[in-house]
Amino acid sequence: MTTAPTAPTAPDRPAAGRRSRGPRTSRTAALAVLKVETRLFRREPAGLFWIMVFPTVLLVVIGNIPGFDEPAEDLHGIVFVDAYVPIAVLLSLVMAGLQAMPPVITGYRERGILRRMSLTPVRPGAVLGTQMGLHGAAAAVSALLSITVGRLAFGVALPRQFPGYLVALALAVLSALACGALVSALSPTSKVANAAGAGLFFPMMFSAGLWLPVQAMPDTLARIAGLLPFGAAAQALNEAAAGNWPGWGHLGVLAVWSVLLTGAASRWFRWE
């Protein structure tokens, strides 16, 4: 979906400079990477649109469909647009974690940028951490935008269990970014990363309720979806929005997926 931006390559340093690398030097280099990557991130309007704007645009379209602003029997009396706000929130996470971030990291690997950085005080891990932070922040802004537009444009109530909502959202962000990190670890090229992200997009968003809200799913299908990260996230966010603390089972599923995916990404990630 997105094209990996062209990052400036760090110049090779002499061996003596590499041996003198210390914590302070590494922190300074990491801050430099953050500054450069932030500038490059802002220069990608297509990626920012799909992460930060598209989910809210889709919410506005759904909210203006006749009848979708009225209680629905198959949603147990819930207004459809109310049920769609958490879906819009999760859509931004999928866009950030699976569609936007992996092509950037794999592009850096393809062009040898990570390998050259390993010869300087800039540690390759700083690039991965910066990318996860930037995409996670963009997804969080998108979530806030969707909730705000839902409230102001369609009268959707704010989450009644706000602390629980934040916990569920934080775990959902971690799961999405961990999934993207694993795709980045296993994809040798940007084209493969794009294909893998597209392939995972549909089952992830189906479990989140994009085509069939979780509230309208048969019990068996809802239980199966609840075992997937975005299915569990959708149900946890819905519970918090309704005023209940998210089920510990759903939060546990998100935590387990985050740990497993992060561990797998760390195990199989290659910098060159």
Foldseek 3Di string as FASTA:
>chain_A
DFAAFDADADDFDDPVQQVPQDPVLLVVLLVVLLVRVVVRVVVGVVLLCQQAPVLLVVLVVQLPDPPQLFQDVLLVGDRNSLLCLLLSLLSSLLSLQQAPQLQNLLACLVVCRQVRCVSHSHHSVSNLVSSLVVSLVSSVNNSVVSQVCCCPVRNRDAQQQVVLLVLLSVLLNLLSNLLSLLLNLPDNHSVSSNVVSVVVVVVLSVLLQPPHRLSNDPPVSLVVSLLDLNNLSSQQNVCRSVNHRGDPSSSVSSVVSSVVSNVNSVVRHDSD
